[in-house]
Amino acid sequence: FFFASSCLLDPHKDMSQHIELTSFTEQSQIAASMSQNLMVMANLKAPEMNEGERRAPISVSAVIDRSGSMEGAKLKLMKATLKFVISHMKESDQFGIITYADTVAETLKLTKMDAVGRQRATDAVAK
């Protein structure tokens, strides 16, 4: 199964600028008559920026399942993904982590991604 969609940004700007959303599922077919869990990977691609343009700072909060089902390969992949996100954030960006299992906790408050904040975020992911 493959799905792609585009969302327009500012309608007053060049209409060729769009965000591309692509998703992939782990299975190409599923039974319609039964309920089942399905892993999906989503990919967002922002439009290219013109030379000299700077993007606005972003704030990202990762909401992480820390229940017993998140172990082994799933846990390893989740941690690698968060480290990738953290490594690509700019100093003006903010990152936070919310975890849930039996209860919900703010593991890392929104933190500016300067050198100190980046280390705090990386340490929080490693736990």
Foldseek 3Di string as FASTA:
>chain_A
DKDKDWDADDPVDDRVFTKIKIKDKPDPDDDPVDDDDIDMDIDIDGGDDDPPDDDDAEEEEAEEEPAPVCDDPNLVVVLVVQLVVLVPHDQQYWYWYWYDYPHIDGLGDTDRSDPVRSVSSNVSSVD
